[in-house]
Amino acid sequence: MIKRNRRRRAAIVLAIIAVPVAFVMWQYLTLRSCQEFIHKQYASEIKQLELAMQQWPEDRFEDEATYQAVEAIHHGLKQTFSSGDFYCASWSYDSHHGLNGTGIPDSGFSTYSWITTTDVLRQSLYFGKSFDGVPLLVYQRWLPNAPVMKHIQIVLYRDMVDTRMKAKWASKQIGL
């Protein structure tokens, strides 16, 4: 009787520990597969933002020509990130100073940093959610060689990424 109770308690304790660990691992693996997909699917958009940060001047108001060049870069980035996959994109000196972007929607968003993926290129991906409840994926990258703007952030609609991932997976299954 006593051994049976010990076994039962041990099983309960094991279940209490195993379920949250399994959930966190499942979330991490989901995030990791999303990160790999984003690197492939949105490589051109990420590259365009990186190149724009290489051209970003230290003082955009230095003269009229510099200001016009920055406005042209900004307009091009707004065009790039206006498709339905993107919630917004932003760039800054250090993730908050000198913040510029394509315009964060009025609802805003928050990130959940308790589960993240990071790779050797200093790219991170987080789960996020807009303040009105829309699930998001928040991609961040540090650009140490950029002259001024060293941090980029691209926020994607998670449902759009999931849909595209499933379509890509389905096309591989049927051999397209």
C-alpha atoms as a PDB file:
ATOM      1  CA  MET A   1       0.000   0.000   0.000  1.00  0.00           C
ATOM      2  CA  ILE A   2       2.789   2.422   0.930  1.00  0.00           C
ATOM      3  CA  LYS A   3       4.837   1.558  -2.178  1.00  0.00           C
ATOM      4  CA  ARG A   4       1.786   2.073  -4.377  1.00  0.00           C
ATOM      5  CA  ASN A   5       1.225   5.565  -2.903  1.00  0.00           C
ATOM      6  CA  ARG A   6       4.887   6.459  -3.459  1.00  0.00           C
ATOM      7  CA  ARG A   7       4.679   5.331  -7.049  1.00  0.00           C
ATOM      8  CA  ARG A   8       1.484   7.270  -7.570  1.00  0.00           C
ATOM      9  CA  ARG A   9       3.037  10.430  -6.069  1.00  0.00           C
ATOM     10  CA  ALA A  10       6.176   9.964  -8.151  1.00  0.00           C
ATOM     11  CA  ALA A  11       4.042   9.624 -11.293  1.00  0.00           C
ATOM     12  CA  ILE A  12       2.098  12.782 -10.425  1.00  0.00           C
ATOM     13  CA  VAL A  13       5.271  14.771  -9.739  1.00  0.00           C
ATOM     14  CA  LEU A  14       6.819  13.503 -12.958  1.00  0.00           C
ATOM     15  CA  ALA A  15       3.713  14.520 -14.918  1.00  0.00           C
ATOM     16  CA  ILE A  16       3.688  17.967 -13.289  1.00  0.00           C
ATOM     17  CA  ILE A  17       7.289  18.486 -14.400  1.00  0.00           C
ATOM     18  CA  ALA A  18       7.092  16.796 -17.817  1.00  0.00           C
ATOM     19  CA  VAL A  19       4.038  18.597 -19.202  1.00  0.00           C
ATOM     20  CA  PRO A  20       5.395  22.176 -18.866  1.00  0.00           C
ATOM     21  CA  VAL A  21       8.817  21.112 -20.148  1.00  0.00           C
ATOM     22  CA  ALA A  22       7.208  19.417 -23.149  1.00  0.00           C
ATOM     23  CA  PHE A  23       5.092  22.519 -23.834  1.00  0.00           C
ATOM     24  CA  VAL A  24       8.130  24.820 -23.748  1.00  0.00           C
ATOM     25  CA  MET A  25      10.067  22.470 -26.041  1.00  0.00           C
ATOM     26  CA  TRP A  26       7.144  22.303 -28.468  1.00  0.00           C
ATOM     27  CA  GLN A  27       6.924  26.128 -28.521  1.00  0.00           C
ATOM     28  CA  TYR A  28      10.686  26.422 -29.042  1.00  0.00           C
ATOM     29  CA  LEU A  29      10.666  23.924 -31.927  1.00  0.00           C
ATOM     30  CA  THR A  30       7.702  25.722 -33.497  1.00  0.00           C
ATOM     31  CA  LEU A  31       9.537  29.031 -33.221  1.00  0.00           C
ATOM     32  CA  ARG A  32      12.721  27.502 -34.634  1.00  0.00           C
ATOM     33  CA  SER A  33      10.931  26.117 -37.692  1.00  0.00           C
ATOM     34  CA  CYS A  34       9.267  29.510 -38.212  1.00  0.00           C
ATOM     35  CA  GLN A  35      12.668  31.207 -38.022  1.00  0.00           C
ATOM     36  CA  GLU A  36      14.138  28.886 -40.654  1.00  0.00           C
ATOM     37  CA  PHE A  37      11.125  29.471 -42.893  1.00  0.00           C
ATOM     38  CA  ILE A  38      11.291  33.270 -42.447  1.00  0.00           C
ATOM     39  CA  HIS A  39      14.990  33.254 -43.406  1.00  0.00           C
ATOM     40  CA  LYS A  40      14.105  31.540 -46.679  1.00  0.00           C
ATOM     41  CA  GLN A  41      10.700  33.022 -47.498  1.00  0.00           C
ATOM     42  CA  TYR A  42      11.463  36.654 -46.649  1.00  0.00           C
ATOM     43  CA  ALA A  43      15.193  36.753 -47.481  1.00  0.00           C
ATOM     44  CA  SER A  44      14.792  39.524 -50.065  1.00  0.00           C
ATOM     45  CA  GLU A  45      12.841  41.787 -47.685  1.00  0.00           C
ATOM     46  CA  ILE A  46      15.352  41.213 -44.884  1.00  0.00           C
ATOM     47  CA  LYS A  47      18.234  41.899 -47.272  1.00  0.00           C
ATOM     48  CA  GLN A  48      16.607  45.098 -48.533  1.00  0.00           C
ATOM     49  CA  LEU A  49      16.232  46.360 -44.954  1.00  0.00           C
ATOM     50  CA  GLU A  50      19.863  45.439 -44.182  1.00  0.00           C
ATOM     51  CA  LEU A  51      21.102  47.270 -47.277  1.00  0.00           C
ATOM     52  CA  ALA A  52      19.034  50.324 -46.384  1.00  0.00           C
ATOM     53  CA  MET A  53      20.668  50.412 -42.956  1.00  0.00           C
ATOM     54  CA  GLN A  54      24.105  50.379 -44.618  1.00  0.00           C
ATOM     55  CA  GLN A  55      23.090  53.532 -46.523  1.00  0.00           C
ATOM     56  CA  TRP A  56      21.394  55.322 -43.620  1.00  0.00           C
ATOM     57  CA  PRO A  57      23.252  58.605 -42.882  1.00  0.00           C
ATOM     58  CA  GLU A  58      24.236  59.770 -39.424  1.00  0.00           C
ATOM     59  CA  ASP A  59      22.342  63.040 -39.784  1.00  0.00           C
ATOM     60  CA  ARG A  60      19.389  62.772 -42.100  1.00  0.00           C
ATOM     61  CA  PHE A  61      18.781  66.529 -41.847  1.00  0.00           C
ATOM     62  CA  GLU A  62      22.346  67.435 -42.867  1.00  0.00           C
ATOM     63  CA  ASP A  63      21.215  68.911 -46.182  1.00  0.00           C
ATOM     64  CA  GLU A  64      18.318  68.685 -48.591  1.00  0.00           C
ATOM     65  CA  ALA A  65      19.918  65.948 -50.729  1.00  0.00           C
ATOM     66  CA  THR A  66      20.570  63.713 -47.696  1.00  0.00           C
ATOM     67  CA  TYR A  67      17.041  64.275 -46.450  1.00  0.00           C
ATOM     68  CA  GLN A  68      15.570  63.384 -49.859  1.00  0.00           C
ATOM     69  CA  ALA A  69      17.756  60.254 -50.054  1.00  0.00           C
ATOM     70  CA  VAL A  70      16.560  59.106 -46.622  1.00  0.00           C
ATOM     71  CA  GLU A  71      12.943  59.793 -47.580  1.00  0.00           C
ATOM     72  CA  ALA A  72      13.419  57.692 -50.732  1.00  0.00           C
ATOM     73  CA  ILE A  73      14.872  54.825 -48.648  1.00  0.00           C
ATOM     74  CA  HIS A  74      11.996  55.141 -46.173  1.00  0.00           C
ATOM     75  CA  HIS A  75       9.396  55.169 -48.961  1.00  0.00           C
ATOM     76  CA  GLY A  76      10.977  52.064 -50.560  1.00  0.00           C
ATOM     77  CA  LEU A  77      10.887  50.222 -47.234  1.00  0.00           C
ATOM     78  CA  LYS A  78       7.247  51.179 -46.711  1.00  0.00           C
ATOM     79  CA  GLN A  79       6.460  49.705 -50.138  1.00  0.00           C
ATOM     80  CA  THR A  80       8.390  46.517 -49.332  1.00  0.00           C
ATOM     81  CA  PHE A  81       6.680  45.939 -46.003  1.00  0.00           C
ATOM     82  CA  SER A  82       3.163  46.897 -47.100  1.00  0.00           C
ATOM     83  CA  SER A  83       2.195  43.357 -48.185  1.00  0.00           C
ATOM     84  CA  GLY A  84      -0.310  41.493 -46.056  1.00  0.00           C
ATOM     85  CA  ASP A  85       2.376  39.357 -44.392  1.00  0.00           C
ATOM     86  CA  PHE A  86       3.915  42.215 -42.413  1.00  0.00           C
ATOM     87  CA  TYR A  87       2.492  43.994 -39.386  1.00  0.00           C
ATOM     88  CA  CYS A  88       5.330  46.540 -39.399  1.00  0.00           C
ATOM     89  CA  ALA A  89       9.095  46.959 -39.664  1.00  0.00           C
ATOM     90  CA  SER A  90      11.383  49.247 -37.683  1.00  0.00           C
ATOM     91  CA  TRP A  91      15.037  50.131 -37.267  1.00  0.00           C
ATOM     92  CA  SER A  92      17.028  52.030 -34.679  1.00  0.00           C
ATOM     93  CA  TYR A  93      20.460  52.722 -33.208  1.00  0.00           C
ATOM     94  CA  ASP A  94      20.083  50.265 -30.323  1.00  0.00           C
ATOM     95  CA  SER A  95      16.514  48.918 -30.383  1.00  0.00           C
ATOM     96  CA  HIS A  96      14.914  52.075 -28.991  1.00  0.00           C
ATOM     97  CA  HIS A  97      16.979  55.245 -29.664  1.00  0.00           C
ATOM     98  CA  GLY A  98      16.464  56.819 -33.061  1.00  0.00           C
ATOM     99  CA  LEU A  99      13.506  54.553 -33.795  1.00  0.00           C
ATOM    100  CA  ASN A 100      12.162  54.755 -37.332  1.00  0.00           C
ATOM    101  CA  GLY A 101       9.811  52.450 -39.125  1.00  0.00           C
ATOM    102  CA  THR A 102       7.069  51.754 -41.584  1.00  0.00           C
ATOM    103  CA  GLY A 103       4.506  52.751 -38.988  1.00  0.00           C
ATOM    104  CA  ILE A 104       3.319  50.635 -36.099  1.00  0.00           C
ATOM    105  CA  PRO A 105      -0.452  50.194 -36.320  1.00  0.00           C
ATOM    106  CA  ASP A 106      -2.479  52.029 -33.704  1.00  0.00           C
ATOM    107  CA  SER A 107      -3.156  48.853 -31.767  1.00  0.00           C
ATOM    108  CA  GLY A 108       0.569  48.299 -30.998  1.00  0.00           C
ATOM    109  CA  PHE A 109       2.037  44.954 -29.940  1.00  0.00           C
ATOM    110  CA  SER A 110       4.003  43.163 -27.253  1.00  0.00           C
ATOM    111  CA  THR A 111       6.558  40.359 -27.394  1.00  0.00           C
ATOM    112  CA  TYR A 112       6.881  37.279 -25.250  1.00  0.00           C
ATOM    113  CA  SER A 113      10.585  36.905 -24.554  1.00  0.00           C
ATOM    114  CA  TRP A 114      10.340  33.813 -22.343  1.00  0.00           C
ATOM    115  CA  ILE A 115      10.788  31.616 -25.416  1.00  0.00           C
ATOM    116  CA  THR A 116      13.077  32.778 -28.203  1.00  0.00           C
ATOM    117  CA  THR A 117      15.422  31.458 -30.841  1.00  0.00           C
ATOM    118  CA  THR A 118      18.756  33.060 -31.649  1.00  0.00           C
ATOM    119  CA  ASP A 119      21.371  32.018 -34.148  1.00  0.00           C
ATOM    120  CA  VAL A 120      24.979  32.861 -34.968  1.00  0.00           C
ATOM    121  CA  LEU A 121      23.932  35.773 -37.185  1.00  0.00           C
ATOM    122  CA  ARG A 122      22.446  37.523 -34.127  1.00  0.00           C
ATOM    123  CA  GLN A 123      18.934  36.976 -35.422  1.00  0.00           C
ATOM    124  CA  SER A 124      16.171  36.359 -32.915  1.00  0.00           C
ATOM    125  CA  LEU A 125      12.536  35.394 -33.237  1.00  0.00           C
ATOM    126  CA  TYR A 126       9.865  35.881 -30.579  1.00  0.00           C
ATOM    127  CA  PHE A 127       6.171  35.203 -30.303  1.00  0.00           C
ATOM    128  CA  GLY A 128       4.143  38.366 -30.022  1.00  0.00           C
ATOM    129  CA  LYS A 129       0.607  39.616 -29.980  1.00  0.00           C
ATOM    130  CA  SER A 130      -1.006  42.887 -30.997  1.00  0.00           C
ATOM    131  CA  PHE A 131      -2.931  44.642 -28.271  1.00  0.00           C
ATOM    132  CA  ASP A 132      -6.152  43.696 -30.052  1.00  0.00           C
ATOM    133  CA  GLY A 133      -5.222  39.975 -29.919  1.00  0.00           C
ATOM    134  CA  VAL A 134      -3.661  39.213 -33.312  1.00  0.00           C
ATOM    135  CA  PRO A 135      -0.808  36.627 -33.020  1.00  0.00           C
ATOM    136  CA  LEU A 136       2.523  37.884 -34.373  1.00  0.00           C
ATOM    137  CA  LEU A 137       6.104  36.756 -34.916  1.00  0.00           C
ATOM    138  CA  VAL A 138       8.772  39.332 -34.079  1.00  0.00           C
ATOM    139  CA  TYR A 139      12.060  38.976 -35.984  1.00  0.00           C
ATOM    140  CA  GLN A 140      15.015  41.022 -34.694  1.00  0.00           C
ATOM    141  CA  ARG A 141      18.551  41.311 -35.948  1.00  0.00           C
ATOM    142  CA  TRP A 142      21.640  43.234 -34.909  1.00  0.00           C
ATOM    143  CA  LEU A 143      23.798  44.689 -37.687  1.00  0.00           C
ATOM    144  CA  PRO A 144      27.184  45.352 -36.062  1.00  0.00           C
ATOM    145  CA  ASN A 145      28.753  46.621 -39.302  1.00  0.00           C
ATOM    146  CA  ALA A 146      26.023  49.139 -40.090  1.00  0.00           C
ATOM    147  CA  PRO A 147      27.268  52.704 -39.698  1.00  0.00           C
ATOM    148  CA  VAL A 148      24.300  54.147 -37.779  1.00  0.00           C
ATOM    149  CA  MET A 149      21.180  52.028 -37.561  1.00  0.00           C
ATOM    150  CA  LYS A 150      22.325  48.762 -35.981  1.00  0.00           C
ATOM    151  CA  HIS A 151      19.043  47.075 -34.999  1.00  0.00           C
ATOM    152  CA  ILE A 152      16.198  45.954 -37.256  1.00  0.00           C
ATOM    153  CA  GLN A 153      12.857  44.458 -36.331  1.00  0.00           C
ATOM    154  CA  ILE A 154      10.275  42.926 -38.640  1.00  0.00           C
ATOM    155  CA  VAL A 155       6.887  41.950 -37.243  1.00  0.00           C
ATOM    156  CA  LEU A 156       4.918  39.390 -39.230  1.00  0.00           C
ATOM    157  CA  TYR A 157       1.395  38.075 -38.916  1.00  0.00           C
ATOM    158  CA  ARG A 158       1.791  34.585 -37.487  1.00  0.00           C
ATOM    159  CA  ASP A 159      -1.278  33.259 -39.306  1.00  0.00           C
ATOM    160  CA  MET A 160       0.195  34.332 -42.663  1.00  0.00           C
ATOM    161  CA  VAL A 161       3.528  32.663 -41.893  1.00  0.00           C
ATOM    162  CA  ASP A 162       1.733  29.490 -40.735  1.00  0.00           C
ATOM    163  CA  THR A 163      -0.381  29.437 -43.915  1.00  0.00           C
ATOM    164  CA  ARG A 164       2.662  29.859 -46.141  1.00  0.00           C
ATOM    165  CA  MET A 165       4.593  27.196 -44.197  1.00  0.00           C
ATOM    166  CA  LYS A 166       1.734  24.706 -44.547  1.00  0.00           C
ATOM    167  CA  ALA A 167       1.390  25.433 -48.269  1.00  0.00           C
ATOM    168  CA  LYS A 168       5.137  24.949 -48.770  1.00  0.00           C
ATOM    169  CA  TRP A 169       5.051  21.703 -46.797  1.00  0.00           C
ATOM    170  CA  ALA A 170       2.012  20.450 -48.760  1.00  0.00           C
ATOM    171  CA  SER A 171       3.673  21.234 -52.082  1.00  0.00           C
ATOM    172  CA  LYS A 172       6.718  19.210 -51.022  1.00  0.00           C
ATOM    173  CA  GLN A 173       4.478  16.291 -50.034  1.00  0.00           C
ATOM    174  CA  ILE A 174       2.832  16.087 -53.446  1.00  0.00           C
ATOM    175  CA  GLY A 175       6.114  16.752 -55.271  1.00  0.00           C
ATOM    176  CA  LEU A 176       5.426  20.158 -56.808  1.00  0.00           C
END
